[in-house]
Amino acid sequence: IAAQLDTDPDTAFARLRARAFADERPLSEVAADVVARRLRFDPDP
């Protein structure tokens, strides 16, 4: 996520947590989707 957003790890981790919280899904499941390239994070306009 840090590479996708061209940001630091703390900000990337915050975005990952926010996505898991918003989707009401376990953090590990959202992380698995990112690693498997089923989910990509785009910069917040």
PDB file of all heavy atoms in Angstrom:
ATOM      1  N   ILE A   1       0.836  -1.201   0.000  1.00  0.00           N
ATOM      2  CA  ILE A   1       0.000   0.000   0.000  1.00  0.00           C
ATOM      3  C   ILE A   1       0.875   1.258   0.000  1.00  0.00           C
ATOM      4  O   ILE A   1       0.579   2.249  -0.675  1.00  0.00           O
ATOM      5  CB  ILE A   1      -0.954  -0.009   1.208  1.00  0.00           C
ATOM      6  CG1 ILE A   1      -1.941  -1.168   1.098  1.00  0.00           C
ATOM      7  CG2 ILE A   1      -1.707   1.316   1.320  1.00  0.00           C
ATOM      8  CD1 ILE A   1      -2.735  -1.423   2.357  1.00  0.00           C
ATOM      9  N   ALA A   2       1.968   1.214   0.771  1.00  0.00           N
ATOM     10  CA  ALA A   2       2.886   2.355   0.805  1.00  0.00           C
ATOM     11  C   ALA A   2       3.423   2.650  -0.595  1.00  0.00           C
ATOM     12  O   ALA A   2       3.539   3.814  -1.001  1.00  0.00           O
ATOM     13  CB  ALA A   2       4.033   2.076   1.767  1.00  0.00           C
ATOM     14  N   ALA A   3       3.721   1.582  -1.349  1.00  0.00           N
ATOM     15  CA  ALA A   3       4.219   1.770  -2.719  1.00  0.00           C
ATOM     16  C   ALA A   3       3.121   2.302  -3.628  1.00  0.00           C
ATOM     17  O   ALA A   3       3.364   3.181  -4.469  1.00  0.00           O
ATOM     18  CB  ALA A   3       4.754   0.448  -3.259  1.00  0.00           C
ATOM     19  N   GLN A   4       1.895   1.782  -3.465  1.00  0.00           N
ATOM     20  CA  GLN A   4       0.783   2.222  -4.304  1.00  0.00           C
ATOM     21  C   GLN A   4       0.457   3.701  -4.076  1.00  0.00           C
ATOM     22  O   GLN A   4       0.108   4.427  -5.015  1.00  0.00           O
ATOM     23  CB  GLN A   4      -0.449   1.362  -4.009  1.00  0.00           C
ATOM     24  CG  GLN A   4      -0.323  -0.083  -4.462  1.00  0.00           C
ATOM     25  CD  GLN A   4      -1.428  -0.969  -3.883  1.00  0.00           C
ATOM     26  OE1 GLN A   4      -2.383  -0.489  -3.291  1.00  0.00           O
ATOM     27  NE2 GLN A   4      -1.282  -2.289  -4.074  1.00  0.00           N
ATOM     28  N   LEU A   5       0.565   4.128  -2.829  1.00  0.00           N
ATOM     29  CA  LEU A   5       0.206   5.506  -2.484  1.00  0.00           C
ATOM     30  C   LEU A   5       1.405   6.440  -2.459  1.00  0.00           C
ATOM     31  O   LEU A   5       1.236   7.650  -2.248  1.00  0.00           O
ATOM     32  CB  LEU A   5      -0.478   5.536  -1.111  1.00  0.00           C
ATOM     33  CG  LEU A   5      -1.749   4.704  -0.961  1.00  0.00           C
ATOM     34  CD1 LEU A   5      -2.288   4.826   0.452  1.00  0.00           C
ATOM     35  CD2 LEU A   5      -2.797   5.144  -1.965  1.00  0.00           C
ATOM     36  N   ASP A   6       2.607   5.871  -2.648  1.00  0.00           N
ATOM     37  CA  ASP A   6       3.842   6.647  -2.558  1.00  0.00           C
ATOM     38  C   ASP A   6       3.879   7.413  -1.245  1.00  0.00           C
ATOM     39  O   ASP A   6       4.045   8.641  -1.194  1.00  0.00           O
ATOM     40  CB  ASP A   6       3.963   7.623  -3.743  1.00  0.00           C
ATOM     41  CG  ASP A   6       5.355   8.275  -3.801  1.00  0.00           C
ATOM     42  OD1 ASP A   6       6.299   7.684  -3.240  1.00  0.00           O
ATOM     43  OD2 ASP A   6       5.465   9.358  -4.389  1.00  0.00           O
ATOM     44  N   THR A   7       3.708   6.647  -0.136  1.00  0.00           N
ATOM     45  CA  THR A   7       3.651   7.268   1.186  1.00  0.00           C
ATOM     46  C   THR A   7       4.471   6.458   2.167  1.00  0.00           C
ATOM     47  O   THR A   7       5.103   5.462   1.802  1.00  0.00           O
ATOM     48  CB  THR A   7       2.180   7.389   1.645  1.00  0.00           C
ATOM     49  OG1 THR A   7       2.132   8.177   2.842  1.00  0.00           O
ATOM     50  CG2 THR A   7       1.577   6.019   1.915  1.00  0.00           C
ATOM     51  N   ASP A   8       4.465   6.852   3.423  1.00  0.00           N
ATOM     52  CA  ASP A   8       5.242   6.165   4.450  1.00  0.00           C
ATOM     53  C   ASP A   8       4.446   4.990   5.017  1.00  0.00           C
ATOM     54  O   ASP A   8       3.201   4.936   4.884  1.00  0.00           O
ATOM     55  CB  ASP A   8       5.609   7.132   5.579  1.00  0.00           C
ATOM     56  CG  ASP A   8       4.367   7.723   6.239  1.00  0.00           C
ATOM     57  OD1 ASP A   8       3.885   8.770   5.734  1.00  0.00           O
ATOM     58  OD2 ASP A   8       3.870   7.142   7.208  1.00  0.00           O
ATOM     59  N   PRO A   9       5.109   4.011   5.680  1.00  0.00           N
ATOM     60  CA  PRO A   9       4.414   2.831   6.205  1.00  0.00           C
ATOM     61  C   PRO A   9       3.334   3.152   7.225  1.00  0.00           C
ATOM     62  O   PRO A   9       2.298   2.482   7.253  1.00  0.00           O
ATOM     63  CB  PRO A   9       5.550   2.010   6.831  1.00  0.00           C
ATOM     64  CG  PRO A   9       6.767   2.416   6.080  1.00  0.00           C
ATOM     65  CD  PRO A   9       6.577   3.875   5.785  1.00  0.00           C
ATOM     66  N   ASP A  10       3.554   4.180   8.072  1.00  0.00           N
ATOM     67  CA  ASP A  10       2.540   4.512   9.074  1.00  0.00           C
ATOM     68  C   ASP A  10       1.230   4.938   8.410  1.00  0.00           C
ATOM     69  O   ASP A  10       0.137   4.532   8.822  1.00  0.00           O
ATOM     70  CB  ASP A  10       3.039   5.630   9.988  1.00  0.00           C
ATOM     71  CG  ASP A  10       4.098   5.147  10.966  1.00  0.00           C
ATOM     72  OD1 ASP A  10       4.237   3.922  11.112  1.00  0.00           O
ATOM     73  OD2 ASP A  10       4.784   5.992  11.561  1.00  0.00           O
ATOM     74  N   THR A  11       1.341   5.764   7.377  1.00  0.00           N
ATOM     75  CA  THR A  11       0.144   6.212   6.666  1.00  0.00           C
ATOM     76  C   THR A  11      -0.515   5.044   5.939  1.00  0.00           C
ATOM     77  O   THR A  11      -1.745   4.919   5.934  1.00  0.00           O
ATOM     78  CB  THR A  11       0.503   7.311   5.657  1.00  0.00           C
ATOM     79  OG1 THR A  11       1.078   8.424   6.359  1.00  0.00           O
ATOM     80  CG2 THR A  11      -0.728   7.778   4.890  1.00  0.00           C
ATOM     81  N   ALA A  12       0.304   4.180   5.346  1.00  0.00           N
ATOM     82  CA  ALA A  12      -0.237   3.015   4.640  1.00  0.00           C
ATOM     83  C   ALA A  12      -0.969   2.094   5.602  1.00  0.00           C
ATOM     84  O   ALA A  12      -2.055   1.576   5.291  1.00  0.00           O
ATOM     85  CB  ALA A  12       0.897   2.266   3.936  1.00  0.00           C
ATOM     86  N   PHE A  13      -0.408   1.882   6.777  1.00  0.00           N
ATOM     87  CA  PHE A  13      -1.042   1.017   7.769  1.00  0.00           C
ATOM     88  C   PHE A  13      -2.358   1.623   8.246  1.00  0.00           C
ATOM     89  O   PHE A  13      -3.352   0.919   8.451  1.00  0.00           O
ATOM     90  CB  PHE A  13      -0.090   0.796   8.940  1.00  0.00           C
ATOM     91  CG  PHE A  13      -0.594  -0.188   9.954  1.00  0.00           C
ATOM     92  CD1 PHE A  13      -1.063  -1.442   9.588  1.00  0.00           C
ATOM     93  CD2 PHE A  13      -0.579   0.127  11.307  1.00  0.00           C
ATOM     94  CE1 PHE A  13      -1.517  -2.345  10.524  1.00  0.00           C
ATOM     95  CE2 PHE A  13      -1.032  -0.774  12.252  1.00  0.00           C
ATOM     96  CZ  PHE A  13      -1.503  -2.014  11.861  1.00  0.00           C
ATOM     97  N   ALA A  14      -2.370   2.948   8.414  1.00  0.00           N
ATOM     98  CA  ALA A  14      -3.602   3.630   8.815  1.00  0.00           C
ATOM     99  C   ALA A  14      -4.691   3.448   7.758  1.00  0.00           C
ATOM    100  O   ALA A  14      -5.872   3.230   8.097  1.00  0.00           O
ATOM    101  CB  ALA A  14      -3.328   5.111   9.054  1.00  0.00           C
ATOM    102  N   ARG A  15      -4.331   3.520   6.483  1.00  0.00           N
ATOM    103  CA  ARG A  15      -5.309   3.318   5.415  1.00  0.00           C
ATOM    104  C   ARG A  15      -5.838   1.876   5.421  1.00  0.00           C
ATOM    105  O   ARG A  15      -7.034   1.634   5.197  1.00  0.00           O
ATOM    106  CB  ARG A  15      -4.675   3.632   4.058  1.00  0.00           C
ATOM    107  CG  ARG A  15      -4.449   5.106   3.789  1.00  0.00           C
ATOM    108  CD  ARG A  15      -5.760   5.850   3.502  1.00  0.00           C
ATOM    109  NE  ARG A  15      -6.440   5.333   2.328  1.00  0.00           N
ATOM    110  CZ  ARG A  15      -6.224   5.740   1.087  1.00  0.00           C
ATOM    111  NH1 ARG A  15      -5.324   6.697   0.858  1.00  0.00           N
ATOM    112  NH2 ARG A  15      -6.900   5.235   0.066  1.00  0.00           N
ATOM    113  N   LEU A  16      -4.950   0.923   5.669  1.00  0.00           N
ATOM    114  CA  LEU A  16      -5.368  -0.481   5.732  1.00  0.00           C
ATOM    115  C   LEU A  16      -6.342  -0.701   6.875  1.00  0.00           C
ATOM    116  O   LEU A  16      -7.393  -1.352   6.715  1.00  0.00           O
ATOM    117  CB  LEU A  16      -4.139  -1.381   5.890  1.00  0.00           C
ATOM    118  CG  LEU A  16      -4.395  -2.888   6.011  1.00  0.00           C
ATOM    119  CD1 LEU A  16      -5.034  -3.427   4.741  1.00  0.00           C
ATOM    120  CD2 LEU A  16      -3.088  -3.625   6.310  1.00  0.00           C
ATOM    121  N   ARG A  17      -6.024  -0.157   8.037  1.00  0.00           N
ATOM    122  CA  ARG A  17      -6.922  -0.284   9.195  1.00  0.00           C
ATOM    123  C   ARG A  17      -8.267   0.381   8.924  1.00  0.00           C
ATOM    124  O   ARG A  17      -9.322  -0.157   9.275  1.00  0.00           O
ATOM    125  CB  ARG A  17      -6.270   0.344  10.430  1.00  0.00           C
ATOM    126  CG  ARG A  17      -5.096  -0.431  10.979  1.00  0.00           C
ATOM    127  CD  ARG A  17      -4.348   0.368  12.025  1.00  0.00           C
ATOM    128  NE  ARG A  17      -5.216   0.885  13.068  1.00  0.00           N
ATOM    129  CZ  ARG A  17      -4.866   1.830  13.929  1.00  0.00           C
ATOM    130  NH1 ARG A  17      -3.678   2.398  13.846  1.00  0.00           N
ATOM    131  NH2 ARG A  17      -5.700   2.228  14.865  1.00  0.00           N
ATOM    132  N   ALA A  18      -8.228   1.562   8.314  1.00  0.00           N
ATOM    133  CA  ALA A  18      -9.465   2.289   8.027  1.00  0.00           C
ATOM    134  C   ALA A  18     -10.347   1.494   7.069  1.00  0.00           C
ATOM    135  O   ALA A  18     -11.577   1.467   7.230  1.00  0.00           O
ATOM    136  CB  ALA A  18      -9.145   3.666   7.447  1.00  0.00           C
ATOM    137  N   ARG A  19      -9.730   0.852   6.076  1.00  0.00           N
ATOM    138  CA  ARG A  19     -10.506   0.061   5.115  1.00  0.00           C
ATOM    139  C   ARG A  19     -11.156  -1.133   5.805  1.00  0.00           C
ATOM    140  O   ARG A  19     -12.332  -1.449   5.575  1.00  0.00           O
ATOM    141  CB  ARG A  19      -9.599  -0.400   3.976  1.00  0.00           C
ATOM    142  CG  ARG A  19     -10.325  -1.211   2.891  1.00  0.00           C
ATOM    143  CD  ARG A  19     -11.442  -0.397   2.227  1.00  0.00           C
ATOM    144  NE  ARG A  19     -12.111  -1.153   1.197  1.00  0.00           N
ATOM    145  CZ  ARG A  19     -11.773  -1.098  -0.108  1.00  0.00           C
ATOM    146  NH1 ARG A  19     -10.771  -0.313  -0.503  1.00  0.00           N
ATOM    147  NH2 ARG A  19     -12.425  -1.806  -1.000  1.00  0.00           N
ATOM    148  N   ALA A  20     -10.399  -1.816   6.670  1.00  0.00           N
ATOM    149  CA  ALA A  20     -10.948  -2.958   7.394  1.00  0.00           C
ATOM    150  C   ALA A  20     -12.101  -2.526   8.298  1.00  0.00           C
ATOM    151  O   ALA A  20     -13.133  -3.199   8.389  1.00  0.00           O
ATOM    152  CB  ALA A  20      -9.846  -3.633   8.216  1.00  0.00           C
ATOM    153  N   PHE A  21     -11.931  -1.384   8.957  1.00  0.00           N
ATOM    154  CA  PHE A  21     -12.984  -0.883   9.849  1.00  0.00           C
ATOM    155  C   PHE A  21     -14.222  -0.498   9.056  1.00  0.00           C
ATOM    156  O   PHE A  21     -15.347  -0.835   9.439  1.00  0.00           O
ATOM    157  CB  PHE A  21     -12.453   0.323  10.631  1.00  0.00           C
ATOM    158  CG  PHE A  21     -13.423   0.877  11.633  1.00  0.00           C
ATOM    159  CD1 PHE A  21     -13.742   0.175  12.779  1.00  0.00           C
ATOM    160  CD2 PHE A  21     -14.030   2.107  11.428  1.00  0.00           C
ATOM    161  CE1 PHE A  21     -14.638   0.684  13.711  1.00  0.00           C
ATOM    162  CE2 PHE A  21     -14.931   2.629  12.332  1.00  0.00           C
ATOM    163  CZ  PHE A  21     -15.233   1.904  13.485  1.00  0.00           C
ATOM    164  N   ALA A  22     -14.039   0.187   7.946  1.00  0.00           N
ATOM    165  CA  ALA A  22     -15.172   0.627   7.130  1.00  0.00           C
ATOM    166  C   ALA A  22     -15.921  -0.550   6.530  1.00  0.00           C
ATOM    167  O   ALA A  22     -17.151  -0.532   6.431  1.00  0.00           O
ATOM    168  CB  ALA A  22     -14.684   1.566   6.029  1.00  0.00           C
ATOM    169  N   ASP A  23     -15.176  -1.588   6.121  1.00  0.00           N
ATOM    170  CA  ASP A  23     -15.796  -2.767   5.505  1.00  0.00           C
ATOM    171  C   ASP A  23     -16.285  -3.776   6.525  1.00  0.00           C
ATOM    172  O   ASP A  23     -16.886  -4.795   6.159  1.00  0.00           O
ATOM    173  CB  ASP A  23     -14.804  -3.454   4.561  1.00  0.00           C
ATOM    174  CG  ASP A  23     -14.491  -2.619   3.331  1.00  0.00           C
ATOM    175  OD1 ASP A  23     -15.171  -1.593   3.132  1.00  0.00           O
ATOM    176  OD2 ASP A  23     -13.569  -2.992   2.571  1.00  0.00           O
ATOM    177  N   GLU A  24     -15.996  -3.516   7.828  1.00  0.00           N
ATOM    178  CA  GLU A  24     -16.367  -4.438   8.904  1.00  0.00           C
ATOM    179  C   GLU A  24     -15.824  -5.837   8.635  1.00  0.00           C
ATOM    180  O   GLU A  24     -16.514  -6.842   8.775  1.00  0.00           O
ATOM    181  CB  GLU A  24     -17.886  -4.477   9.100  1.00  0.00           C
ATOM    182  CG  GLU A  24     -18.475  -3.131   9.501  1.00  0.00           C
ATOM    183  CD  GLU A  24     -19.962  -3.211   9.764  1.00  0.00           C
ATOM    184  OE1 GLU A  24     -20.579  -4.252   9.454  1.00  0.00           O
ATOM    185  OE2 GLU A  24     -20.518  -2.230  10.285  1.00  0.00           O
ATOM    186  N   ARG A  25     -14.535  -5.884   8.257  1.00  0.00           N
ATOM    187  CA  ARG A  25     -13.863  -7.150   7.964  1.00  0.00           C
ATOM    188  C   ARG A  25     -12.614  -7.257   8.816  1.00  0.00           C
ATOM    189  O   ARG A  25     -12.013  -6.239   9.180  1.00  0.00           O
ATOM    190  CB  ARG A  25     -13.471  -7.223   6.482  1.00  0.00           C
ATOM    191  CG  ARG A  25     -14.639  -7.202   5.513  1.00  0.00           C
ATOM    192  CD  ARG A  25     -14.106  -7.159   4.090  1.00  0.00           C
ATOM    193  NE  ARG A  25     -13.303  -8.347   3.778  1.00  0.00           N
ATOM    194  CZ  ARG A  25     -12.404  -8.390   2.797  1.00  0.00           C
ATOM    195  NH1 ARG A  25     -12.168  -7.317   2.060  1.00  0.00           N
ATOM    196  NH2 ARG A  25     -11.738  -9.508   2.572  1.00  0.00           N
ATOM    197  N   PRO A  26     -12.161  -8.479   9.114  1.00  0.00           N
ATOM    198  CA  PRO A  26     -10.898  -8.643   9.838  1.00  0.00           C
ATOM    199  C   PRO A  26      -9.733  -8.041   9.061  1.00  0.00           C
ATOM    200  O   PRO A  26      -9.690  -8.107   7.821  1.00  0.00           O
ATOM    201  CB  PRO A  26     -10.747 -10.164   9.961  1.00  0.00           C
ATOM    202  CG  PRO A  26     -12.138 -10.698   9.857  1.00  0.00           C
ATOM    203  CD  PRO A  26     -12.843  -9.770   8.902  1.00  0.00           C
ATOM    204  N   LEU A  27      -8.810  -7.466   9.770  1.00  0.00           N
ATOM    205  CA  LEU A  27      -7.652  -6.836   9.142  1.00  0.00           C
ATOM    206  C   LEU A  27      -6.886  -7.842   8.283  1.00  0.00           C
ATOM    207  O   LEU A  27      -6.411  -7.507   7.193  1.00  0.00           O
ATOM    208  CB  LEU A  27      -6.737  -6.271  10.219  1.00  0.00           C
ATOM    209  CG  LEU A  27      -5.574  -5.399   9.750  1.00  0.00           C
ATOM    210  CD1 LEU A  27      -6.092  -4.068   9.225  1.00  0.00           C
ATOM    211  CD2 LEU A  27      -4.594  -5.163  10.899  1.00  0.00           C
ATOM    212  N   SER A  28      -6.770  -9.084   8.761  1.00  0.00           N
ATOM    213  CA  SER A  28      -6.018 -10.099   8.019  1.00  0.00           C
ATOM    214  C   SER A  28      -6.655 -10.406   6.669  1.00  0.00           C
ATOM    215  O   SER A  28      -5.959 -10.678   5.689  1.00  0.00           O
ATOM    216  CB  SER A  28      -5.898 -11.381   8.844  1.00  0.00           C
ATOM    217  OG  SER A  28      -7.183 -11.868   9.184  1.00  0.00           O
ATOM    218  N   GLU A  29      -7.984 -10.365   6.597  1.00  0.00           N
ATOM    219  CA  GLU A  29      -8.672 -10.637   5.333  1.00  0.00           C
ATOM    220  C   GLU A  29      -8.413  -9.534   4.317  1.00  0.00           C
ATOM    221  O   GLU A  29      -8.173  -9.803   3.131  1.00  0.00           O
ATOM    222  CB  GLU A  29     -10.179 -10.791   5.563  1.00  0.00           C
ATOM    223  CG  GLU A  29     -10.581 -12.086   6.259  1.00  0.00           C
ATOM    224  CD  GLU A  29     -12.086 -12.227   6.323  1.00  0.00           C
ATOM    225  OE1 GLU A  29     -12.798 -11.376   5.726  1.00  0.00           O
ATOM    226  OE2 GLU A  29     -12.558 -13.168   6.978  1.00  0.00           O
ATOM    227  N   VAL A  30      -8.460  -8.295   4.769  1.00  0.00           N
ATOM    228  CA  VAL A  30      -8.204  -7.176   3.865  1.00  0.00           C
ATOM    229  C   VAL A  30      -6.753  -7.216   3.406  1.00  0.00           C
ATOM    230  O   VAL A  30      -6.446  -6.993   2.218  1.00  0.00           O
ATOM    231  CB  VAL A  30      -8.517  -5.836   4.555  1.00  0.00           C
ATOM    232  CG1 VAL A  30      -8.228  -4.668   3.620  1.00  0.00           C
ATOM    233  CG2 VAL A  30      -9.987  -5.797   4.998  1.00  0.00           C
ATOM    234  N   ALA A  31      -5.838  -7.536   4.331  1.00  0.00           N
ATOM    235  CA  ALA A  31      -4.420  -7.639   3.966  1.00  0.00           C
ATOM    236  C   ALA A  31      -4.207  -8.737   2.935  1.00  0.00           C
ATOM    237  O   ALA A  31      -3.433  -8.579   1.988  1.00  0.00           O
ATOM    238  CB  ALA A  31      -3.583  -7.906   5.210  1.00  0.00           C
ATOM    239  N   ALA A  32      -4.910  -9.861   3.108  1.00  0.00           N
ATOM    240  CA  ALA A  32      -4.780 -10.971   2.157  1.00  0.00           C
ATOM    241  C   ALA A  32      -5.233 -10.548   0.764  1.00  0.00           C
ATOM    242  O   ALA A  32      -4.633 -10.941  -0.245  1.00  0.00           O
ATOM    243  CB  ALA A  32      -5.590 -12.172   2.642  1.00  0.00           C
ATOM    244  N   ASP A  33      -6.283  -9.745   0.687  1.00  0.00           N
ATOM    245  CA  ASP A  33      -6.754  -9.257  -0.616  1.00  0.00           C
ATOM    246  C   ASP A  33      -5.715  -8.351  -1.273  1.00  0.00           C
ATOM    247  O   ASP A  33      -5.528  -8.382  -2.495  1.00  0.00           O
ATOM    248  CB  ASP A  33      -8.067  -8.487  -0.443  1.00  0.00           C
ATOM    249  CG  ASP A  33      -9.267  -9.414  -0.268  1.00  0.00           C
ATOM    250  OD1 ASP A  33      -9.103 -10.629  -0.482  1.00  0.00           O
ATOM    251  OD2 ASP A  33     -10.348  -8.915   0.080  1.00  0.00           O
ATOM    252  N   VAL A  34      -5.042  -7.548  -0.455  1.00  0.00           N
ATOM    253  CA  VAL A  34      -4.010  -6.666  -1.004  1.00  0.00           C
ATOM    254  C   VAL A  34      -2.840  -7.500  -1.530  1.00  0.00           C
ATOM    255  O   VAL A  34      -2.362  -7.272  -2.655  1.00  0.00           O
ATOM    256  CB  VAL A  34      -3.515  -5.674   0.075  1.00  0.00           C
ATOM    257  CG1 VAL A  34      -2.331  -4.867  -0.452  1.00  0.00           C
ATOM    258  CG2 VAL A  34      -4.637  -4.742   0.505  1.00  0.00           C
ATOM    259  N   VAL A  35      -2.393  -8.462  -0.741  1.00  0.00           N
ATOM    260  CA  VAL A  35      -1.253  -9.288  -1.143  1.00  0.00           C
ATOM    261  C   VAL A  35      -1.575 -10.089  -2.397  1.00  0.00           C
ATOM    262  O   VAL A  35      -0.732 -10.270  -3.282  1.00  0.00           O
ATOM    263  CB  VAL A  35      -0.840 -10.225   0.012  1.00  0.00           C
ATOM    264  CG1 VAL A  35       0.219 -11.226  -0.449  1.00  0.00           C
ATOM    265  CG2 VAL A  35      -0.324  -9.410   1.192  1.00  0.00           C
ATOM    266  N   ALA A  36      -2.830 -10.571  -2.497  1.00  0.00           N
ATOM    267  CA  ALA A  36      -3.242 -11.348  -3.668  1.00  0.00           C
ATOM    268  C   ALA A  36      -3.613 -10.450  -4.854  1.00  0.00           C
ATOM    269  O   ALA A  36      -4.034 -10.949  -5.897  1.00  0.00           O
ATOM    270  CB  ALA A  36      -4.435 -12.238  -3.310  1.00  0.00           C
ATOM    271  N   ARG A  37      -3.487  -9.138  -4.676  1.00  0.00           N
ATOM    272  CA  ARG A  37      -3.776  -8.138  -5.718  1.00  0.00           C
ATOM    273  C   ARG A  37      -5.251  -8.121  -6.122  1.00  0.00           C
ATOM    274  O   ARG A  37      -5.587  -7.752  -7.235  1.00  0.00           O
ATOM    275  CB  ARG A  37      -2.872  -8.355  -6.936  1.00  0.00           C
ATOM    276  CG  ARG A  37      -1.393  -8.358  -6.581  1.00  0.00           C
ATOM    277  CD  ARG A  37      -0.497  -8.454  -7.797  1.00  0.00           C
ATOM    278  NE  ARG A  37       0.887  -8.665  -7.412  1.00  0.00           N
ATOM    279  CZ  ARG A  37       1.726  -7.731  -6.950  1.00  0.00           C
ATOM    280  NH1 ARG A  37       1.288  -6.502  -6.816  1.00  0.00           N
ATOM    281  NH2 ARG A  37       2.966  -8.029  -6.628  1.00  0.00           N
ATOM    282  N   ARG A  38      -6.106  -8.523  -5.184  1.00  0.00           N
ATOM    283  CA  ARG A  38      -7.548  -8.375  -5.413  1.00  0.00           C
ATOM    284  C   ARG A  38      -8.034  -6.996  -4.987  1.00  0.00           C
ATOM    285  O   ARG A  38      -9.140  -6.581  -5.313  1.00  0.00           O
ATOM    286  CB  ARG A  38      -8.318  -9.455  -4.635  1.00  0.00           C
ATOM    287  CG  ARG A  38      -8.095 -10.868  -5.123  1.00  0.00           C
ATOM    288  CD  ARG A  38      -9.026 -11.842  -4.412  1.00  0.00           C
ATOM    289  NE  ARG A  38      -8.725 -11.948  -2.998  1.00  0.00           N
ATOM    290  CZ  ARG A  38      -7.925 -12.865  -2.453  1.00  0.00           C
ATOM    291  NH1 ARG A  38      -7.324 -13.755  -3.235  1.00  0.00           N
ATOM    292  NH2 ARG A  38      -7.712 -12.903  -1.146  1.00  0.00           N
ATOM    293  N   LEU A  39      -7.207  -6.304  -4.218  1.00  0.00           N
ATOM    294  CA  LEU A  39      -7.565  -4.984  -3.706  1.00  0.00           C
ATOM    295  C   LEU A  39      -6.365  -4.057  -3.872  1.00  0.00           C
ATOM    296  O   LEU A  39      -5.239  -4.407  -3.517  1.00  0.00           O
ATOM    297  CB  LEU A  39      -7.949  -5.081  -2.222  1.00  0.00           C
ATOM    298  CG  LEU A  39      -8.230  -3.758  -1.500  1.00  0.00           C
ATOM    299  CD1 LEU A  39      -9.431  -3.056  -2.116  1.00  0.00           C
ATOM    300  CD2 LEU A  39      -8.470  -4.017  -0.007  1.00  0.00           C
ATOM    301  N   ARG A  40      -6.636  -2.890  -4.416  1.00  0.00           N
ATOM    302  CA  ARG A  40      -5.581  -1.883  -4.601  1.00  0.00           C
ATOM    303  C   ARG A  40      -6.031  -0.574  -3.970  1.00  0.00           C
ATOM    304  O   ARG A  40      -7.208  -0.224  -4.019  1.00  0.00           O
ATOM    305  CB  ARG A  40      -5.299  -1.684  -6.092  1.00  0.00           C
ATOM    306  CG  ARG A  40      -4.239  -0.628  -6.378  1.00  0.00           C
ATOM    307  CD  ARG A  40      -3.988  -0.432  -7.855  1.00  0.00           C
ATOM    308  NE  ARG A  40      -3.058   0.654  -8.066  1.00  0.00           N
ATOM    309  CZ  ARG A  40      -1.740   0.538  -8.004  1.00  0.00           C
ATOM    310  NH1 ARG A  40      -1.197  -0.648  -7.743  1.00  0.00           N
ATOM    311  NH2 ARG A  40      -0.946   1.574  -8.204  1.00  0.00           N
ATOM    312  N   PHE A  41      -5.100   0.141  -3.383  1.00  0.00           N
ATOM    313  CA  PHE A  41      -5.399   1.426  -2.769  1.00  0.00           C
ATOM    314  C   PHE A  41      -4.947   2.548  -3.702  1.00  0.00           C
ATOM    315  O   PHE A  41      -3.816   2.544  -4.184  1.00  0.00           O
ATOM    316  CB  PHE A  41      -4.680   1.552  -1.421  1.00  0.00           C
ATOM    317  CG  PHE A  41      -5.354   0.807  -0.306  1.00  0.00           C
ATOM    318  CD1 PHE A  41      -5.332  -0.585  -0.276  1.00  0.00           C
ATOM    319  CD2 PHE A  41      -6.009   1.478   0.710  1.00  0.00           C
ATOM    320  CE1 PHE A  41      -5.949  -1.281   0.741  1.00  0.00           C
ATOM    321  CE2 PHE A  41      -6.632   0.788   1.740  1.00  0.00           C
ATOM    322  CZ  PHE A  41      -6.605  -0.590   1.755  1.00  0.00           C
ATOM    323  N   ASP A  42      -5.839   3.471  -3.953  1.00  0.00           N
ATOM    324  CA  ASP A  42      -5.524   4.626  -4.792  1.00  0.00           C
ATOM    325  C   ASP A  42      -5.407   5.861  -3.914  1.00  0.00           C
ATOM    326  O   ASP A  42      -6.041   5.949  -2.854  1.00  0.00           O
ATOM    327  CB  ASP A  42      -6.615   4.848  -5.834  1.00  0.00           C
ATOM    328  CG  ASP A  42      -6.702   3.683  -6.814  1.00  0.00           C
ATOM    329  OD1 ASP A  42      -5.633   3.208  -7.249  1.00  0.00           O
ATOM    330  OD2 ASP A  42      -7.834   3.252  -7.121  1.00  0.00           O
ATOM    331  N   PRO A  43      -4.602   6.830  -4.317  1.00  0.00           N
ATOM    332  CA  PRO A  43      -4.473   8.068  -3.528  1.00  0.00           C
ATOM    333  C   PRO A  43      -5.833   8.729  -3.323  1.00  0.00           C
ATOM    334  O   PRO A  43      -6.687   8.712  -4.194  1.00  0.00           O
ATOM    335  CB  PRO A  43      -3.555   8.952  -4.388  1.00  0.00           C
ATOM    336  CG  PRO A  43      -2.786   7.968  -5.225  1.00  0.00           C
ATOM    337  CD  PRO A  43      -3.751   6.850  -5.511  1.00  0.00           C
ATOM    338  N   ASP A  44      -6.030   9.273  -2.131  1.00  0.00           N
ATOM    339  CA  ASP A  44      -7.272   9.983  -1.802  1.00  0.00           C
ATOM    340  C   ASP A  44      -7.222  11.359  -2.455  1.00  0.00           C
ATOM    341  O   ASP A  44      -6.356  12.171  -2.103  1.00  0.00           O
ATOM    342  CB  ASP A  44      -7.407  10.100  -0.293  1.00  0.00           C
ATOM    343  CG  ASP A  44      -8.770  10.659   0.114  1.00  0.00           C
ATOM    344  OD1 ASP A  44      -9.417  11.282  -0.732  1.00  0.00           O
ATOM    345  OD2 ASP A  44      -9.172  10.450   1.284  1.00  0.00           O
ATOM    346  N   PRO A  45      -8.106  11.659  -3.396  1.00  0.00           N
ATOM    347  CA  PRO A  45      -8.059  12.959  -4.075  1.00  0.00           C
ATOM    348  C   PRO A  45      -8.242  14.134  -3.118  1.00  0.00           C
ATOM    349  O   PRO A  45      -7.760  15.227  -3.375  1.00  0.00           O
ATOM    350  CB  PRO A  45      -9.208  12.887  -5.089  1.00  0.00           C
ATOM    351  CG  PRO A  45     -10.124  11.821  -4.553  1.00  0.00           C
ATOM    352  CD  PRO A  45      -9.230  10.817  -3.876  1.00  0.00           C
TER     353      PRO A  45
END
